[in-house]
Structure formats: C-alpha cells, structure tokens
Amino acid sequence: MEITAALERLSALAQETRLTIFRKLVEQGPTGLPAGELAERIGISPSNLSFHVATLERAGLVAGTKSGRSILYAASYPAMAELLAYLYDNCCQGGACSPGAKPAIRATKGKP
C-alpha cells in the first residue's frame, strides 16, 4: 500500500460521523445496510449520510451497490485489512513483537 492511500483512508476515518458510519457498517457485516436505515441508525439526515459516505467511498473503505430503489452500503473488509497491515508493517521494527504488541486480526460474528 502506498503512503498516499493510507493517508487518504486514515483521513477519511478521522472524522466522528464517518468513523461512526464505518464502524456501524463493519459491525453489520458484509451484507451492509440500506442508506436510509444506516442514516436512521446513525441519527443523521440522508443528505448528510451521502456527503460522508462519498468520502469513505473515495478512500475505498465503503462500497455502495444499487438494490432496487435504495443503495446498499457495506464496509470493504479487504481495504480495512490492507490499512491495518500497512500500519503493522514495521511493528517492532520487523523483529519479534512482544506479546500483545501485534494483535491478531480475526473474524468474529461471521465477519470476514
């Protein structure tokens, strides 16, 4: 991963509403949520949701797919894993990490 891509993803997440949206989508799993339901769960207007999701989509962290008359948003687990791997790439300077320094990225609750 290039540093510019990492910076774009980190920048997209460095805002309260966008981080909340992303975490809600990660929590939901790969099936995602319809835009209206996501906006309702977060407690923001649909137009506000669209504004913030656009930033997350540009960063590659969220993907939207048309489902009937709605848009279904889901977190991009590969993009999240790539960002985490980038952040851990030089953990403990490439040597043996102390216990707990490099947490295992694991699937839980049916999440990839």
C-alpha atoms as a PDB file:
ATOM      1  CA  MET A   1       0.000   0.000   0.000  1.00  0.00           C
ATOM      2  CA  GLU A   2       1.242   3.450  -0.908  1.00  0.00           C
ATOM      3  CA  ILE A   3       1.525   6.069   1.813  1.00  0.00           C
ATOM      4  CA  THR A   4      -0.914   8.330  -0.074  1.00  0.00           C
ATOM      5  CA  ALA A   5      -3.609   5.625   0.003  1.00  0.00           C
ATOM      6  CA  ALA A   6      -3.002   5.056   3.718  1.00  0.00           C
ATOM      7  CA  LEU A   7      -3.259   8.784   4.370  1.00  0.00           C
ATOM      8  CA  GLU A   8      -6.498   9.020   2.390  1.00  0.00           C
ATOM      9  CA  ARG A   9      -8.059   6.157   4.361  1.00  0.00           C
ATOM     10  CA  LEU A  10      -6.889   7.469   7.709  1.00  0.00           C
ATOM     11  CA  SER A  11      -8.069  10.961   6.789  1.00  0.00           C
ATOM     12  CA  ALA A  12     -11.499   9.622   5.817  1.00  0.00           C
ATOM     13  CA  LEU A  13     -11.809   7.938   9.218  1.00  0.00           C
ATOM     14  CA  ALA A  14     -10.535  10.973  11.149  1.00  0.00           C
ATOM     15  CA  GLN A  15     -13.985  12.493  11.490  1.00  0.00           C
ATOM     16  CA  GLU A  16     -16.592  11.456  14.055  1.00  0.00           C
ATOM     17  CA  THR A  17     -19.552  10.864  11.736  1.00  0.00           C
ATOM     18  CA  ARG A  18     -17.513   8.969   9.134  1.00  0.00           C
ATOM     19  CA  LEU A  19     -15.861   6.805  11.780  1.00  0.00           C
ATOM     20  CA  THR A  20     -19.307   6.056  13.240  1.00  0.00           C
ATOM     21  CA  ILE A  21     -20.647   5.129   9.789  1.00  0.00           C
ATOM     22  CA  PHE A  22     -17.680   2.882   9.071  1.00  0.00           C
ATOM     23  CA  ARG A  23     -17.874   1.146  12.446  1.00  0.00           C
ATOM     24  CA  LYS A  24     -21.619   0.589  12.024  1.00  0.00           C
ATOM     25  CA  LEU A  25     -21.012  -0.999   8.612  1.00  0.00           C
ATOM     26  CA  VAL A  26     -18.192  -3.175   9.953  1.00  0.00           C
ATOM     27  CA  GLU A  27     -20.497  -4.245  12.781  1.00  0.00           C
ATOM     28  CA  GLN A  28     -23.266  -5.062  10.288  1.00  0.00           C
ATOM     29  CA  GLY A  29     -21.067  -7.414   8.284  1.00  0.00           C
ATOM     30  CA  PRO A  30     -20.632  -7.952   4.562  1.00  0.00           C
ATOM     31  CA  THR A  31     -24.370  -7.707   3.844  1.00  0.00           C
ATOM     32  CA  GLY A  32     -24.280  -3.981   4.596  1.00  0.00           C
ATOM     33  CA  LEU A  33     -27.235  -1.676   5.203  1.00  0.00           C
ATOM     34  CA  PRO A  34     -29.633   0.310   3.035  1.00  0.00           C
ATOM     35  CA  ALA A  35     -28.784   4.024   3.027  1.00  0.00           C
ATOM     36  CA  GLY A  36     -31.998   5.061   4.778  1.00  0.00           C
ATOM     37  CA  GLU A  37     -31.613   2.526   7.551  1.00  0.00           C
ATOM     38  CA  LEU A  38     -27.956   3.443   8.020  1.00  0.00           C
ATOM     39  CA  ALA A  39     -28.826   7.148   8.289  1.00  0.00           C
ATOM     40  CA  GLU A  40     -31.542   6.327  10.817  1.00  0.00           C
ATOM     41  CA  ARG A  41     -29.260   4.139  12.947  1.00  0.00           C
ATOM     42  CA  ILE A  42     -26.574   6.820  12.981  1.00  0.00           C
ATOM     43  CA  GLY A  43     -29.101   9.574  13.620  1.00  0.00           C
ATOM     44  CA  ILE A  44     -28.277  11.796  10.642  1.00  0.00           C
ATOM     45  CA  SER A  45     -30.158  13.017   7.585  1.00  0.00           C
ATOM     46  CA  PRO A  46     -29.883  11.065   4.308  1.00  0.00           C
ATOM     47  CA  SER A  47     -28.131  14.015   2.635  1.00  0.00           C
ATOM     48  CA  ASN A  48     -25.600  14.191   5.468  1.00  0.00           C
ATOM     49  CA  LEU A  49     -25.043  10.445   5.124  1.00  0.00           C
ATOM     50  CA  SER A  50     -24.439  10.801   1.376  1.00  0.00           C
ATOM     51  CA  PHE A  51     -21.876  13.538   1.989  1.00  0.00           C
ATOM     52  CA  HIS A  52     -19.876  11.429   4.459  1.00  0.00           C
ATOM     53  CA  VAL A  53     -20.216   8.125   2.618  1.00  0.00           C
ATOM     54  CA  ALA A  54     -18.806   9.762  -0.530  1.00  0.00           C
ATOM     55  CA  THR A  55     -15.554  10.421   1.333  1.00  0.00           C
ATOM     56  CA  LEU A  56     -15.426   6.839   2.613  1.00  0.00           C
ATOM     57  CA  GLU A  57     -16.116   5.526  -0.907  1.00  0.00           C
ATOM     58  CA  ARG A  58     -13.338   7.665  -2.436  1.00  0.00           C
ATOM     59  CA  ALA A  59     -10.964   6.193   0.150  1.00  0.00           C
ATOM     60  CA  GLY A  60     -12.087   2.679  -0.798  1.00  0.00           C
ATOM     61  CA  LEU A  61     -13.385   1.877   2.687  1.00  0.00           C
ATOM     62  CA  VAL A  62     -17.080   1.627   1.740  1.00  0.00           C
ATOM     63  CA  ALA A  63     -18.829   0.375  -1.373  1.00  0.00           C
ATOM     64  CA  GLY A  64     -22.358   1.215  -2.430  1.00  0.00           C
ATOM     65  CA  THR A  65     -24.470  -1.017  -4.648  1.00  0.00           C
ATOM     66  CA  LYS A  66     -27.898  -0.317  -6.020  1.00  0.00           C
ATOM     67  CA  SER A  67     -30.613  -2.538  -4.564  1.00  0.00           C
ATOM     68  CA  GLY A  68     -33.969  -1.683  -6.091  1.00  0.00           C
ATOM     69  CA  ARG A  69     -34.666   1.953  -5.297  1.00  0.00           C
ATOM     70  CA  SER A  70     -32.117   2.064  -2.500  1.00  0.00           C
ATOM     71  CA  ILE A  71     -28.357   1.986  -2.184  1.00  0.00           C
ATOM     72  CA  LEU A  72     -26.851  -0.686  -0.011  1.00  0.00           C
ATOM     73  CA  TYR A  73     -23.612   0.349   1.714  1.00  0.00           C
ATOM     74  CA  ALA A  74     -21.068  -2.130   3.046  1.00  0.00           C
ATOM     75  CA  ALA A  75     -17.609  -1.852   4.547  1.00  0.00           C
ATOM     76  CA  SER A  76     -14.712  -3.003   2.398  1.00  0.00           C
ATOM     77  CA  TYR A  77     -13.023  -5.593   4.586  1.00  0.00           C
ATOM     78  CA  PRO A  78     -10.085  -6.022   2.173  1.00  0.00           C
ATOM     79  CA  ALA A  79      -9.395  -2.260   2.331  1.00  0.00           C
ATOM     80  CA  MET A  80      -9.619  -2.299   6.121  1.00  0.00           C
ATOM     81  CA  ALA A  81      -7.273  -5.306   6.329  1.00  0.00           C
ATOM     82  CA  GLU A  82      -4.849  -3.642   3.907  1.00  0.00           C
ATOM     83  CA  LEU A  83      -4.774  -0.484   6.038  1.00  0.00           C
ATOM     84  CA  LEU A  84      -4.217  -2.454   9.238  1.00  0.00           C
ATOM     85  CA  ALA A  85      -1.465  -4.493   7.584  1.00  0.00           C
ATOM     86  CA  TYR A  86       0.183  -1.256   6.441  1.00  0.00           C
ATOM     87  CA  LEU A  87       0.047   0.139   9.972  1.00  0.00           C
ATOM     88  CA  TYR A  88       1.569  -3.054  11.391  1.00  0.00           C
ATOM     89  CA  ASP A  89       4.096  -3.495   8.582  1.00  0.00           C
ATOM     90  CA  ASN A  90       7.030  -2.296  10.635  1.00  0.00           C
ATOM     91  CA  CYS A  91       5.719  -3.327  14.032  1.00  0.00           C
ATOM     92  CA  CYS A  92       8.612  -3.813  16.413  1.00  0.00           C
ATOM     93  CA  GLN A  93      10.986  -2.882  13.561  1.00  0.00           C
ATOM     94  CA  GLY A  94      10.359  -6.177  11.776  1.00  0.00           C
ATOM     95  CA  GLY A  95      11.681  -8.231  14.688  1.00  0.00           C
ATOM     96  CA  ALA A  96       9.832 -10.405  17.137  1.00  0.00           C
ATOM     97  CA  CYS A  97       6.994  -8.472  18.705  1.00  0.00           C
ATOM     98  CA  SER A  98       6.379  -8.601  22.395  1.00  0.00           C
ATOM     99  CA  PRO A  99       3.177 -10.421  23.403  1.00  0.00           C
ATOM    100  CA  GLY A 100       0.168  -8.272  22.638  1.00  0.00           C
ATOM    101  CA  ALA A 101       2.082  -5.743  20.537  1.00  0.00           C
ATOM    102  CA  LYS A 102       0.638  -7.034  17.273  1.00  0.00           C
ATOM    103  CA  PRO A 103      -2.939  -8.171  17.822  1.00  0.00           C
ATOM    104  CA  ALA A 104      -4.263 -10.878  15.560  1.00  0.00           C
ATOM    105  CA  ILE A 105      -6.839  -9.688  13.050  1.00  0.00           C
ATOM    106  CA  ARG A 106      -9.575 -12.271  13.414  1.00  0.00           C
ATOM    107  CA  ALA A 107     -13.024 -12.879  12.079  1.00  0.00           C
ATOM    108  CA  THR A 108     -15.837 -12.702  14.615  1.00  0.00           C
ATOM    109  CA  LYS A 109     -19.595 -12.959  14.416  1.00  0.00           C
ATOM    110  CA  GLY A 110     -19.497 -14.145  10.807  1.00  0.00           C
ATOM    111  CA  LYS A 111     -17.357 -11.242   9.636  1.00  0.00           C
ATOM    112  CA  PRO A 112     -14.516 -11.978   7.179  1.00  0.00           C
END
